[in-house]
Amino acid sequence: MKLPEEGKLLRIFIGEGDNYKGKPLYEAIVLKARELNLAGATVLKGVMGFGANSRLHTSKVLRLSEDMPLIVEIVDTEEKLALLMPFLEETVSEGLITIENVRVIIYRHK
């Protein structure tokens, strides 16, 4: 697969405790992105954060949260990312979704 130089970065901010049909939501999103033949997806785990409800999520030992912040990042064309949007509308009940322009320098695989 070849990506054009100008692409889009989709970021999905959710919680580790978010689920969809009995599995972690981040996993469902990555599997859906793969099913749609998107270029790739990465899940990043935050060590601290808060969202719209201002509830603090932290990994500090004395305040161990079971709902750490997660970010799913996907880079592809705007058209390909649009294929994922209906699934996100259905599954992300809490969180934040952003999209921004990116310049793809290298995208390689063996």
C-alpha atoms as a PDB file:
ATOM      1  CA  MET A   1       0.000   0.000   0.000  1.00  0.00           C
ATOM      2  CA  LYS A   2       1.270   3.463  -0.824  1.00  0.00           C
ATOM      3  CA  LEU A   3       0.225   6.565   1.068  1.00  0.00           C
ATOM      4  CA  PRO A   4       0.215   9.983  -0.560  1.00  0.00           C
ATOM      5  CA  GLU A   5       2.488  12.600   0.972  1.00  0.00           C
ATOM      6  CA  GLU A   6      -0.462  14.583   2.302  1.00  0.00           C
ATOM      7  CA  GLY A   7      -2.572  12.498   4.676  1.00  0.00           C
ATOM      8  CA  LYS A   8      -4.754  12.792   7.740  1.00  0.00           C
ATOM      9  CA  LEU A   9      -4.115  11.774  11.342  1.00  0.00           C
ATOM     10  CA  LEU A  10      -7.165  10.513  13.206  1.00  0.00           C
ATOM     11  CA  ARG A  11      -6.867  10.510  16.999  1.00  0.00           C
ATOM     12  CA  ILE A  12      -9.420   8.809  19.204  1.00  0.00           C
ATOM     13  CA  PHE A  13      -9.178   9.599  22.929  1.00  0.00           C
ATOM     14  CA  ILE A  14     -10.954   6.968  25.023  1.00  0.00           C
ATOM     15  CA  GLY A  15     -10.588   5.188  28.356  1.00  0.00           C
ATOM     16  CA  GLU A  16      -9.008   1.831  29.002  1.00  0.00           C
ATOM     17  CA  GLY A  17     -12.263   0.675  30.591  1.00  0.00           C
ATOM     18  CA  ASP A  18     -14.400   1.453  27.509  1.00  0.00           C
ATOM     19  CA  ASN A  19     -15.869  -1.672  25.915  1.00  0.00           C
ATOM     20  CA  TYR A  20     -17.741  -2.707  22.798  1.00  0.00           C
ATOM     21  CA  LYS A  21     -19.505  -6.066  22.535  1.00  0.00           C
ATOM     22  CA  GLY A  22     -17.539  -7.558  25.410  1.00  0.00           C
ATOM     23  CA  LYS A  23     -14.059  -6.541  24.269  1.00  0.00           C
ATOM     24  CA  PRO A  24     -11.953  -3.448  24.868  1.00  0.00           C
ATOM     25  CA  LEU A  25     -13.060  -0.564  22.642  1.00  0.00           C
ATOM     26  CA  TYR A  26      -9.495   0.197  21.537  1.00  0.00           C
ATOM     27  CA  GLU A  27      -9.188  -3.389  20.285  1.00  0.00           C
ATOM     28  CA  ALA A  28     -12.486  -3.171  18.398  1.00  0.00           C
ATOM     29  CA  ILE A  29     -11.344   0.075  16.730  1.00  0.00           C
ATOM     30  CA  VAL A  30      -7.985  -1.379  15.659  1.00  0.00           C
ATOM     31  CA  LEU A  31      -9.622  -4.537  14.297  1.00  0.00           C
ATOM     32  CA  LYS A  32     -12.195  -2.470  12.374  1.00  0.00           C
ATOM     33  CA  ALA A  33      -9.409  -0.300  10.918  1.00  0.00           C
ATOM     34  CA  ARG A  34      -7.620  -3.468   9.808  1.00  0.00           C
ATOM     35  CA  GLU A  35     -10.832  -4.864   8.315  1.00  0.00           C
ATOM     36  CA  LEU A  36     -11.203  -1.631   6.318  1.00  0.00           C
ATOM     37  CA  ASN A  37      -7.593  -1.957   5.048  1.00  0.00           C
ATOM     38  CA  LEU A  38      -6.449   1.284   6.622  1.00  0.00           C
ATOM     39  CA  ALA A  39      -2.697   1.906   6.602  1.00  0.00           C
ATOM     40  CA  GLY A  40      -2.215   1.074  10.303  1.00  0.00           C
ATOM     41  CA  ALA A  41      -3.240   1.896  13.839  1.00  0.00           C
ATOM     42  CA  THR A  42      -1.372   2.431  17.098  1.00  0.00           C
ATOM     43  CA  VAL A  43      -2.760   2.468  20.632  1.00  0.00           C
ATOM     44  CA  LEU A  44      -0.951   4.664  23.162  1.00  0.00           C
ATOM     45  CA  LYS A  45      -1.543   4.460  26.910  1.00  0.00           C
ATOM     46  CA  GLY A  46      -1.444   7.663  28.907  1.00  0.00           C
ATOM     47  CA  VAL A  47      -0.118   7.927  32.442  1.00  0.00           C
ATOM     48  CA  MET A  48      -2.444  10.743  33.462  1.00  0.00           C
ATOM     49  CA  GLY A  49      -5.327  12.708  32.017  1.00  0.00           C
ATOM     50  CA  PHE A  50      -8.882  13.979  32.291  1.00  0.00           C
ATOM     51  CA  GLY A  51     -11.721  14.518  29.881  1.00  0.00           C
ATOM     52  CA  ALA A  52     -15.021  16.331  29.579  1.00  0.00           C
ATOM     53  CA  ASN A  53     -16.210  15.161  33.005  1.00  0.00           C
ATOM     54  CA  SER A  54     -12.945  16.416  34.625  1.00  0.00           C
ATOM     55  CA  ARG A  55     -12.451  13.078  36.413  1.00  0.00           C
ATOM     56  CA  LEU A  56      -8.697  12.555  36.877  1.00  0.00           C
ATOM     57  CA  HIS A  57      -7.159   9.299  35.624  1.00  0.00           C
ATOM     58  CA  THR A  58      -3.686   8.578  36.979  1.00  0.00           C
ATOM     59  CA  SER A  59      -1.265   5.685  37.387  1.00  0.00           C
ATOM     60  CA  LYS A  60       0.068   6.912  40.747  1.00  0.00           C
ATOM     61  CA  VAL A  61       0.402   4.001  43.149  1.00  0.00           C
ATOM     62  CA  LEU A  62      -1.940   5.417  45.794  1.00  0.00           C
ATOM     63  CA  ARG A  63      -4.612   6.373  43.211  1.00  0.00           C
ATOM     64  CA  LEU A  64      -4.389   3.479  40.777  1.00  0.00           C
ATOM     65  CA  SER A  65      -7.011   4.021  38.096  1.00  0.00           C
ATOM     66  CA  GLU A  66      -8.541   1.135  36.203  1.00  0.00           C
ATOM     67  CA  ASP A  67      -9.539   3.491  33.402  1.00  0.00           C
ATOM     68  CA  MET A  68      -6.297   4.980  32.117  1.00  0.00           C
ATOM     69  CA  PRO A  69      -6.478   7.293  29.099  1.00  0.00           C
ATOM     70  CA  LEU A  70      -5.801   5.720  25.695  1.00  0.00           C
ATOM     71  CA  ILE A  71      -5.223   7.284  22.286  1.00  0.00           C
ATOM     72  CA  VAL A  72      -5.762   5.347  19.074  1.00  0.00           C
ATOM     73  CA  GLU A  73      -3.860   6.961  16.194  1.00  0.00           C
ATOM     74  CA  ILE A  74      -4.493   6.152  12.547  1.00  0.00           C
ATOM     75  CA  VAL A  75      -2.872   7.830   9.533  1.00  0.00           C
ATOM     76  CA  ASP A  76      -4.386   7.412   6.073  1.00  0.00           C
ATOM     77  CA  THR A  77      -6.209   9.391   3.423  1.00  0.00           C
ATOM     78  CA  GLU A  78      -9.296  11.388   4.333  1.00  0.00           C
ATOM     79  CA  GLU A  79     -11.419   9.110   2.135  1.00  0.00           C
ATOM     80  CA  LYS A  80     -10.193   5.937   3.839  1.00  0.00           C
ATOM     81  CA  LEU A  81     -10.621   7.396   7.331  1.00  0.00           C
ATOM     82  CA  ALA A  82     -14.180   8.391   6.426  1.00  0.00           C
ATOM     83  CA  LEU A  83     -14.978   4.669   6.118  1.00  0.00           C
ATOM     84  CA  LEU A  84     -14.249   4.273   9.836  1.00  0.00           C
ATOM     85  CA  MET A  85     -16.378   7.201  11.021  1.00  0.00           C
ATOM     86  CA  PRO A  86     -19.768   5.384  11.139  1.00  0.00           C
ATOM     87  CA  PHE A  87     -18.209   2.707  13.357  1.00  0.00           C
ATOM     88  CA  LEU A  88     -16.755   5.362  15.669  1.00  0.00           C
ATOM     89  CA  GLU A  89     -20.106   7.187  15.823  1.00  0.00           C
ATOM     90  CA  GLU A  90     -21.678   3.916  16.973  1.00  0.00           C
ATOM     91  CA  THR A  91     -19.028   2.813  19.456  1.00  0.00           C
ATOM     92  CA  VAL A  92     -17.429   5.861  21.084  1.00  0.00           C
ATOM     93  CA  SER A  93     -19.962   6.991  23.677  1.00  0.00           C
ATOM     94  CA  GLU A  94     -17.416   8.999  25.710  1.00  0.00           C
ATOM     95  CA  GLY A  95     -14.198  10.551  24.498  1.00  0.00           C
ATOM     96  CA  LEU A  96     -12.791  12.871  21.867  1.00  0.00           C
ATOM     97  CA  ILE A  97     -12.074  12.349  18.177  1.00  0.00           C
ATOM     98  CA  THR A  98      -9.814  14.711  16.233  1.00  0.00           C
ATOM     99  CA  ILE A  99      -8.413  14.787  12.716  1.00  0.00           C
ATOM    100  CA  GLU A 100      -5.531  16.847  11.417  1.00  0.00           C
ATOM    101  CA  ASN A 101      -3.339  17.217   8.367  1.00  0.00           C
ATOM    102  CA  VAL A 102      -0.046  15.310   8.321  1.00  0.00           C
ATOM    103  CA  ARG A 103       2.817  15.009   5.890  1.00  0.00           C
ATOM    104  CA  VAL A 104       3.805  11.385   5.309  1.00  0.00           C
ATOM    105  CA  ILE A 105       7.578  11.112   4.963  1.00  0.00           C
ATOM    106  CA  ILE A 106       8.036   7.329   4.899  1.00  0.00           C
ATOM    107  CA  TYR A 107       5.563   4.436   4.996  1.00  0.00           C
ATOM    108  CA  ARG A 108       7.287   1.121   4.334  1.00  0.00           C
ATOM    109  CA  HIS A 109       6.786  -2.549   4.939  1.00  0.00           C
ATOM    110  CA  LYS A 110       8.541  -5.727   3.814  1.00  0.00           C
END
